[in-house]
Amino acid sequence: MILLTVRWYLRYNLSFRDLVEMMEERGLSMAHTTIMRWVHQYGPELEGQVRRHLKPTNDSWRVDETYVKVKGQWMYVYRAVDSEGDTIDFYLSKARNKQAAKRFFKKTLAFSHVSMPRVISVDKNPAYPMAIQELKEEKQMPEGIQLRQVKYLNNIVEQDHRFIKKRIRPMLGLKSFRTAKRIIAGIEAMHTIKKGQTLQREKSVQNPKDFIHKLFGVVQ
């Protein structure tokens, strides 16, 4: 029941109160705050579990940032996908500057499923070249990485933002930075599953549910 409500909230445009009503139809009574706590707790845990089962991404990165409102303030979600549209990583930041871009790249490179980039396509944000240059000087990125600041090449990541924005928009603003990080982590995890990035045999509606149950050791 916990996994069902968490999975549905992170995947579909449902409110906590929508899920309360849906559970009541199944004879289960609970408060919307209970479901909220479950999402906050299990969203990042789901993301951490899913990462261990992701297929390797390729070495052509598309990097861009989008905006979310947190406690009335606009904040930035740095996101990267590869040339096939597979999610590489994301990073929520209060700032849009060189330091934030650098933290995003360092976080991204720490994961085993992420290939070292051969080329990184970004927009005209001047923070990216500075961050990449510093990482090269610190030997955390190879010197041969090609940086392309060509906007149309990033259409693929801009299109991919839509799923995240579509899910966050009905929430009418996230209440804290910590809450935003947890919910976005869960949404990104469900998005990677939807895109077929996990090591599953084939795509079907049933497979994501079965996959998530296995991650948490649920016996069916």
C-alpha atoms as a PDB file:
ATOM      1  CA  MET A   1       0.000   0.000   0.000  1.00  0.00           C
ATOM      2  CA  ILE A   2       2.846   2.401   0.849  1.00  0.00           C
ATOM      3  CA  LEU A   3       4.668   1.646  -2.392  1.00  0.00           C
ATOM      4  CA  LEU A   4       1.444   1.953  -4.373  1.00  0.00           C
ATOM      5  CA  THR A   5       0.624   5.449  -3.108  1.00  0.00           C
ATOM      6  CA  VAL A   6       4.235   6.640  -3.404  1.00  0.00           C
ATOM      7  CA  ARG A   7       4.586   5.247  -6.929  1.00  0.00           C
ATOM      8  CA  TRP A   8       1.297   6.761  -8.121  1.00  0.00           C
ATOM      9  CA  TYR A   9       2.005  10.166  -6.578  1.00  0.00           C
ATOM     10  CA  LEU A  10       5.444  10.407  -8.179  1.00  0.00           C
ATOM     11  CA  ARG A  11       4.300   9.129 -11.557  1.00  0.00           C
ATOM     12  CA  TYR A  12       0.891  10.728 -12.146  1.00  0.00           C
ATOM     13  CA  ASN A  13      -0.683  14.174 -11.671  1.00  0.00           C
ATOM     14  CA  LEU A  14      -2.402  13.254  -8.415  1.00  0.00           C
ATOM     15  CA  SER A  15      -2.680  15.201  -5.171  1.00  0.00           C
ATOM     16  CA  PHE A  16      -2.360  13.617  -1.747  1.00  0.00           C
ATOM     17  CA  ARG A  17      -6.121  14.079  -1.298  1.00  0.00           C
ATOM     18  CA  ASP A  18      -6.781  12.370  -4.645  1.00  0.00           C
ATOM     19  CA  LEU A  19      -4.908   9.356  -3.337  1.00  0.00           C
ATOM     20  CA  VAL A  20      -6.856   9.424  -0.064  1.00  0.00           C
ATOM     21  CA  GLU A  21     -10.089   9.131  -2.060  1.00  0.00           C
ATOM     22  CA  MET A  22      -8.679   6.385  -4.259  1.00  0.00           C
ATOM     23  CA  MET A  23      -7.610   4.396  -1.214  1.00  0.00           C
ATOM     24  CA  GLU A  24     -11.021   4.898   0.403  1.00  0.00           C
ATOM     25  CA  GLU A  25     -12.584   3.217  -2.635  1.00  0.00           C
ATOM     26  CA  ARG A  26     -10.427   0.222  -1.746  1.00  0.00           C
ATOM     27  CA  GLY A  27     -11.610   0.251   1.850  1.00  0.00           C
ATOM     28  CA  LEU A  28      -8.467   1.894   3.251  1.00  0.00           C
ATOM     29  CA  SER A  29      -8.711   5.025   5.398  1.00  0.00           C
ATOM     30  CA  MET A  30      -5.696   7.304   5.864  1.00  0.00           C
ATOM     31  CA  ALA A  31      -4.829  10.988   6.196  1.00  0.00           C
ATOM     32  CA  HIS A  32      -3.275  12.883   3.300  1.00  0.00           C
ATOM     33  CA  THR A  33      -0.409  13.852   5.628  1.00  0.00           C
ATOM     34  CA  THR A  34       0.398  10.158   6.046  1.00  0.00           C
ATOM     35  CA  ILE A  35       0.836   9.728   2.301  1.00  0.00           C
ATOM     36  CA  MET A  36       2.891  12.934   2.222  1.00  0.00           C
ATOM     37  CA  ARG A  37       5.295  11.525   4.834  1.00  0.00           C
ATOM     38  CA  TRP A  38       5.597   8.299   2.860  1.00  0.00           C
ATOM     39  CA  VAL A  39       6.498  10.217  -0.315  1.00  0.00           C
ATOM     40  CA  HIS A  40       9.084  12.330   1.518  1.00  0.00           C
ATOM     41  CA  GLN A  41      10.657   9.248   3.076  1.00  0.00           C
ATOM     42  CA  TYR A  42      10.569   6.792   0.193  1.00  0.00           C
ATOM     43  CA  GLY A  43      11.069   9.154  -2.775  1.00  0.00           C
ATOM     44  CA  PRO A  44      14.834   9.526  -2.279  1.00  0.00           C
ATOM     45  CA  GLU A  45      15.150   5.901  -1.166  1.00  0.00           C
ATOM     46  CA  LEU A  46      13.490   4.801  -4.406  1.00  0.00           C
ATOM     47  CA  GLU A  47      15.879   6.977  -6.399  1.00  0.00           C
ATOM     48  CA  GLY A  48      18.887   5.482  -4.617  1.00  0.00           C
ATOM     49  CA  GLN A  49      17.677   1.927  -5.216  1.00  0.00           C
ATOM     50  CA  VAL A  50      16.875   2.552  -8.887  1.00  0.00           C
ATOM     51  CA  ARG A  51      20.350   3.986  -9.583  1.00  0.00           C
ATOM     52  CA  ARG A  52      21.926   0.610  -8.845  1.00  0.00           C
ATOM     53  CA  HIS A  53      19.987  -0.953 -11.716  1.00  0.00           C
ATOM     54  CA  LEU A  54      20.388   1.622 -14.482  1.00  0.00           C
ATOM     55  CA  LYS A  55      21.859   0.844 -17.875  1.00  0.00           C
ATOM     56  CA  PRO A  56      25.041   2.769 -18.740  1.00  0.00           C
ATOM     57  CA  THR A  57      24.461   6.122 -20.415  1.00  0.00           C
ATOM     58  CA  ASN A  58      26.471   7.158 -23.451  1.00  0.00           C
ATOM     59  CA  ASP A  59      29.256   9.747 -23.589  1.00  0.00           C
ATOM     60  CA  SER A  60      27.361  12.561 -25.379  1.00  0.00           C
ATOM     61  CA  TRP A  61      25.783  14.758 -22.710  1.00  0.00           C
ATOM     62  CA  ARG A  62      23.044  17.385 -23.068  1.00  0.00           C
ATOM     63  CA  VAL A  63      22.993  19.695 -20.045  1.00  0.00           C
ATOM     64  CA  ASP A  64      20.458  22.373 -19.146  1.00  0.00           C
ATOM     65  CA  GLU A  65      18.627  23.759 -16.150  1.00  0.00           C
ATOM     66  CA  THR A  66      14.924  24.298 -15.524  1.00  0.00           C
ATOM     67  CA  TYR A  67      13.037  26.163 -12.805  1.00  0.00           C
ATOM     68  CA  VAL A  68      10.859  25.114  -9.868  1.00  0.00           C
ATOM     69  CA  LYS A  69       9.227  27.250  -7.190  1.00  0.00           C
ATOM     70  CA  VAL A  70      10.227  26.384  -3.616  1.00  0.00           C
ATOM     71  CA  LYS A  71       8.625  28.304  -0.745  1.00  0.00           C
ATOM     72  CA  GLY A  72       7.721  31.095  -3.138  1.00  0.00           C
ATOM     73  CA  GLN A  73      11.224  31.389  -4.621  1.00  0.00           C
ATOM     74  CA  TRP A  74      12.418  30.184  -8.010  1.00  0.00           C
ATOM     75  CA  MET A  75      15.194  27.614  -7.820  1.00  0.00           C
ATOM     76  CA  TYR A  76      17.090  25.658 -10.434  1.00  0.00           C
ATOM     77  CA  VAL A  77      17.085  21.992 -11.373  1.00  0.00           C
ATOM     78  CA  TYR A  78      20.246  21.137 -13.326  1.00  0.00           C
ATOM     79  CA  ARG A  79      19.578  18.118 -15.527  1.00  0.00           C
ATOM     80  CA  ALA A  80      21.565  16.071 -18.019  1.00  0.00           C
ATOM     81  CA  VAL A  81      20.472  13.464 -20.544  1.00  0.00           C
ATOM     82  CA  ASP A  82      22.540  11.619 -23.118  1.00  0.00           C
ATOM     83  CA  SER A  83      22.069  11.757 -26.896  1.00  0.00           C
ATOM     84  CA  GLU A  84      19.466   8.959 -26.663  1.00  0.00           C
ATOM     85  CA  GLY A  85      17.399  10.930 -24.144  1.00  0.00           C
ATOM     86  CA  ASP A  86      18.303   8.763 -21.152  1.00  0.00           C
ATOM     87  CA  THR A  87      18.541  10.623 -17.872  1.00  0.00           C
ATOM     88  CA  ILE A  88      22.099  11.000 -16.610  1.00  0.00           C
ATOM     89  CA  ASP A  89      21.527  12.997 -13.421  1.00  0.00           C
ATOM     90  CA  PHE A  90      19.878  16.026 -11.805  1.00  0.00           C
ATOM     91  CA  TYR A  91      20.749  18.543  -9.102  1.00  0.00           C
ATOM     92  CA  LEU A  92      18.568  21.076  -7.265  1.00  0.00           C
ATOM     93  CA  SER A  93      20.311  24.371  -6.547  1.00  0.00           C
ATOM     94  CA  LYS A  94      19.351  27.689  -4.979  1.00  0.00           C
ATOM     95  CA  ALA A  95      21.782  29.462  -7.335  1.00  0.00           C
ATOM     96  CA  ARG A  96      22.556  29.451 -11.053  1.00  0.00           C
ATOM     97  CA  ASN A  97      26.294  30.050 -11.229  1.00  0.00           C
ATOM     98  CA  LYS A  98      29.684  28.406 -11.744  1.00  0.00           C
ATOM     99  CA  GLN A  99      29.726  26.799  -8.284  1.00  0.00           C
ATOM    100  CA  ALA A 100      26.312  25.202  -8.816  1.00  0.00           C
ATOM    101  CA  ALA A 101      27.283  23.891 -12.262  1.00  0.00           C
ATOM    102  CA  LYS A 102      30.511  22.478 -10.867  1.00  0.00           C
ATOM    103  CA  ARG A 103      28.711  20.723  -7.994  1.00  0.00           C
ATOM    104  CA  PHE A 104      26.270  19.249 -10.500  1.00  0.00           C
ATOM    105  CA  PHE A 105      29.045  17.816 -12.690  1.00  0.00           C
ATOM    106  CA  LYS A 106      30.927  16.399  -9.676  1.00  0.00           C
ATOM    107  CA  LYS A 107      27.766  14.733  -8.363  1.00  0.00           C
ATOM    108  CA  THR A 108      26.991  13.288 -11.780  1.00  0.00           C
ATOM    109  CA  LEU A 109      30.447  11.813 -12.360  1.00  0.00           C
ATOM    110  CA  ALA A 110      30.306   9.919  -9.055  1.00  0.00           C
ATOM    111  CA  PHE A 111      27.814   7.315 -10.347  1.00  0.00           C
ATOM    112  CA  SER A 112      28.934   4.060 -11.919  1.00  0.00           C
ATOM    113  CA  HIS A 113      26.264   4.011 -14.666  1.00  0.00           C
ATOM    114  CA  VAL A 114      27.440   7.390 -16.000  1.00  0.00           C
ATOM    115  CA  SER A 115      30.016   7.343 -18.797  1.00  0.00           C
ATOM    116  CA  MET A 116      32.760   9.968 -18.761  1.00  0.00           C
ATOM    117  CA  PRO A 117      31.599  12.528 -21.333  1.00  0.00           C
ATOM    118  CA  ARG A 118      33.285  12.816 -24.702  1.00  0.00           C
ATOM    119  CA  VAL A 119      31.217  15.889 -25.562  1.00  0.00           C
ATOM    120  CA  ILE A 120      28.967  18.144 -23.459  1.00  0.00           C
ATOM    121  CA  SER A 121      26.330  20.293 -25.154  1.00  0.00           C
ATOM    122  CA  VAL A 122      25.102  23.305 -23.171  1.00  0.00           C
ATOM    123  CA  ASP A 123      23.358  26.624 -23.813  1.00  0.00           C
ATOM    124  CA  LYS A 124      25.018  30.035 -23.646  1.00  0.00           C
ATOM    125  CA  ASN A 125      25.168  30.088 -19.832  1.00  0.00           C
ATOM    126  CA  PRO A 126      28.770  31.252 -19.159  1.00  0.00           C
ATOM    127  CA  ALA A 127      28.919  29.222 -15.933  1.00  0.00           C
ATOM    128  CA  TYR A 128      29.330  25.913 -17.783  1.00  0.00           C
ATOM    129  CA  PRO A 129      32.644  26.606 -19.544  1.00  0.00           C
ATOM    130  CA  MET A 130      34.146  27.981 -16.326  1.00  0.00           C
ATOM    131  CA  ALA A 131      32.987  24.997 -14.264  1.00  0.00           C
ATOM    132  CA  ILE A 132      34.257  22.477 -16.818  1.00  0.00           C
ATOM    133  CA  GLN A 133      37.611  24.237 -17.104  1.00  0.00           C
ATOM    134  CA  GLU A 134      38.089  24.115 -13.319  1.00  0.00           C
ATOM    135  CA  LEU A 135      37.205  20.416 -13.264  1.00  0.00           C
ATOM    136  CA  LYS A 136      39.774  19.778 -15.991  1.00  0.00           C
ATOM    137  CA  GLU A 137      42.412  21.648 -13.981  1.00  0.00           C
ATOM    138  CA  GLU A 138      41.520  19.538 -10.942  1.00  0.00           C
ATOM    139  CA  LYS A 139      41.881  16.356 -13.075  1.00  0.00           C
ATOM    140  CA  GLN A 140      38.245  15.413 -12.500  1.00  0.00           C
ATOM    141  CA  MET A 141      37.468  15.710 -16.211  1.00  0.00           C
ATOM    142  CA  PRO A 142      39.824  14.803 -19.065  1.00  0.00           C
ATOM    143  CA  GLU A 143      41.312  17.628 -21.131  1.00  0.00           C
ATOM    144  CA  GLY A 144      39.912  16.203 -24.363  1.00  0.00           C
ATOM    145  CA  ILE A 145      36.231  16.759 -23.521  1.00  0.00           C
ATOM    146  CA  GLN A 146      34.564  18.873 -26.195  1.00  0.00           C
ATOM    147  CA  LEU A 147      32.186  21.639 -25.055  1.00  0.00           C
ATOM    148  CA  ARG A 148      29.489  22.720 -27.517  1.00  0.00           C
ATOM    149  CA  GLN A 149      27.415  25.834 -26.799  1.00  0.00           C
ATOM    150  CA  VAL A 150      24.791  25.286 -29.484  1.00  0.00           C
ATOM    151  CA  LYS A 151      21.212  25.788 -28.322  1.00  0.00           C
ATOM    152  CA  TYR A 152      19.421  23.534 -30.825  1.00  0.00           C
ATOM    153  CA  LEU A 153      21.516  20.547 -29.744  1.00  0.00           C
ATOM    154  CA  ASN A 154      19.858  20.800 -26.339  1.00  0.00           C
ATOM    155  CA  ASN A 155      16.324  20.348 -27.614  1.00  0.00           C
ATOM    156  CA  ILE A 156      16.379  16.782 -26.321  1.00  0.00           C
ATOM    157  CA  VAL A 157      16.975  17.799 -22.693  1.00  0.00           C
ATOM    158  CA  GLU A 158      14.531  20.720 -22.934  1.00  0.00           C
ATOM    159  CA  GLN A 159      11.870  18.278 -24.123  1.00  0.00           C
ATOM    160  CA  ASP A 160      12.743  15.966 -21.241  1.00  0.00           C
ATOM    161  CA  HIS A 161      12.174  18.769 -18.709  1.00  0.00           C
ATOM    162  CA  ARG A 162       8.498  18.654 -19.621  1.00  0.00           C
ATOM    163  CA  PHE A 163       7.741  15.493 -17.678  1.00  0.00           C
ATOM    164  CA  ILE A 164       9.329  16.865 -14.512  1.00  0.00           C
ATOM    165  CA  LYS A 165       7.620  20.252 -14.867  1.00  0.00           C
ATOM    166  CA  LYS A 166       4.280  18.619 -15.662  1.00  0.00           C
ATOM    167  CA  ARG A 167       4.412  16.601 -12.470  1.00  0.00           C
ATOM    168  CA  ILE A 168       5.594  19.461 -10.232  1.00  0.00           C
ATOM    169  CA  ARG A 169       3.226  22.141 -11.577  1.00  0.00           C
ATOM    170  CA  PRO A 170       0.042  20.820  -9.832  1.00  0.00           C
ATOM    171  CA  MET A 171       1.872  20.857  -6.484  1.00  0.00           C
ATOM    172  CA  LEU A 172       1.529  24.686  -6.465  1.00  0.00           C
ATOM    173  CA  GLY A 173       4.964  25.267  -5.026  1.00  0.00           C
ATOM    174  CA  LEU A 174       7.144  23.024  -2.876  1.00  0.00           C
ATOM    175  CA  LYS A 175       7.302  23.930   0.800  1.00  0.00           C
ATOM    176  CA  SER A 176      11.026  23.618   1.569  1.00  0.00           C
ATOM    177  CA  PHE A 177      14.342  22.953  -0.137  1.00  0.00           C
ATOM    178  CA  ARG A 178      14.667  19.586   1.623  1.00  0.00           C
ATOM    179  CA  THR A 179      11.147  18.542   0.596  1.00  0.00           C
ATOM    180  CA  ALA A 180      11.793  19.651  -2.983  1.00  0.00           C
ATOM    181  CA  LYS A 181      14.973  17.548  -3.187  1.00  0.00           C
ATOM    182  CA  ARG A 182      13.161  14.475  -1.900  1.00  0.00           C
ATOM    183  CA  ILE A 183      10.152  14.781  -4.189  1.00  0.00           C
ATOM    184  CA  ILE A 184      12.224  15.595  -7.291  1.00  0.00           C
ATOM    185  CA  ALA A 185      14.435  12.581  -6.568  1.00  0.00           C
ATOM    186  CA  GLY A 186      11.388  10.326  -6.578  1.00  0.00           C
ATOM    187  CA  ILE A 187       9.938  11.903  -9.727  1.00  0.00           C
ATOM    188  CA  GLU A 188      13.256  11.488 -11.546  1.00  0.00           C
ATOM    189  CA  ALA A 189      13.429   7.852 -10.456  1.00  0.00           C
ATOM    190  CA  MET A 190       9.976   7.111 -11.849  1.00  0.00           C
ATOM    191  CA  HIS A 191      10.887   8.970 -15.040  1.00  0.00           C
ATOM    192  CA  THR A 192      13.961   6.800 -15.628  1.00  0.00           C
ATOM    193  CA  ILE A 193      11.854   3.674 -15.105  1.00  0.00           C
ATOM    194  CA  LYS A 194       9.224   4.972 -17.538  1.00  0.00           C
ATOM    195  CA  LYS A 195      11.921   5.603 -20.160  1.00  0.00           C
ATOM    196  CA  GLY A 196      13.144   2.021 -19.869  1.00  0.00           C
ATOM    197  CA  GLN A 197      16.558   2.806 -18.412  1.00  0.00           C
ATOM    198  CA  THR A 198      16.493  -0.015 -15.894  1.00  0.00           C
ATOM    199  CA  LEU A 199      17.747  -3.509 -16.591  1.00  0.00           C
ATOM    200  CA  GLN A 200      14.306  -4.977 -17.270  1.00  0.00           C
ATOM    201  CA  ARG A 201      13.617  -7.484 -19.984  1.00  0.00           C
ATOM    202  CA  GLU A 202      10.854  -5.534 -21.723  1.00  0.00           C
ATOM    203  CA  LYS A 203       8.575  -2.544 -21.275  1.00  0.00           C
ATOM    204  CA  SER A 204       5.071  -3.032 -19.894  1.00  0.00           C
ATOM    205  CA  VAL A 205       2.777  -1.358 -17.371  1.00  0.00           C
ATOM    206  CA  GLN A 206       3.275  -4.289 -15.009  1.00  0.00           C
ATOM    207  CA  ASN A 207       7.075  -4.348 -15.124  1.00  0.00           C
ATOM    208  CA  PRO A 208       7.704  -1.059 -13.243  1.00  0.00           C
ATOM    209  CA  LYS A 209       5.459  -2.192 -10.407  1.00  0.00           C
ATOM    210  CA  ASP A 210       7.149  -5.591 -10.194  1.00  0.00           C
ATOM    211  CA  PHE A 211      10.590  -3.971 -10.440  1.00  0.00           C
ATOM    212  CA  ILE A 212       9.896  -1.553  -7.570  1.00  0.00           C
ATOM    213  CA  HIS A 213       8.458  -4.340  -5.417  1.00  0.00           C
ATOM    214  CA  LYS A 214      11.644  -6.338  -5.928  1.00  0.00           C
ATOM    215  CA  LEU A 215      13.783  -3.360  -4.967  1.00  0.00           C
ATOM    216  CA  PHE A 216      12.010  -3.146  -1.615  1.00  0.00           C
ATOM    217  CA  GLY A 217      11.713  -6.897  -1.066  1.00  0.00           C
ATOM    218  CA  VAL A 218       7.938  -7.078  -1.373  1.00  0.00           C
ATOM    219  CA  VAL A 219       6.745 -10.660  -1.804  1.00  0.00           C
ATOM    220  CA  GLN A 220       3.886 -10.937  -4.308  1.00  0.00           C
END
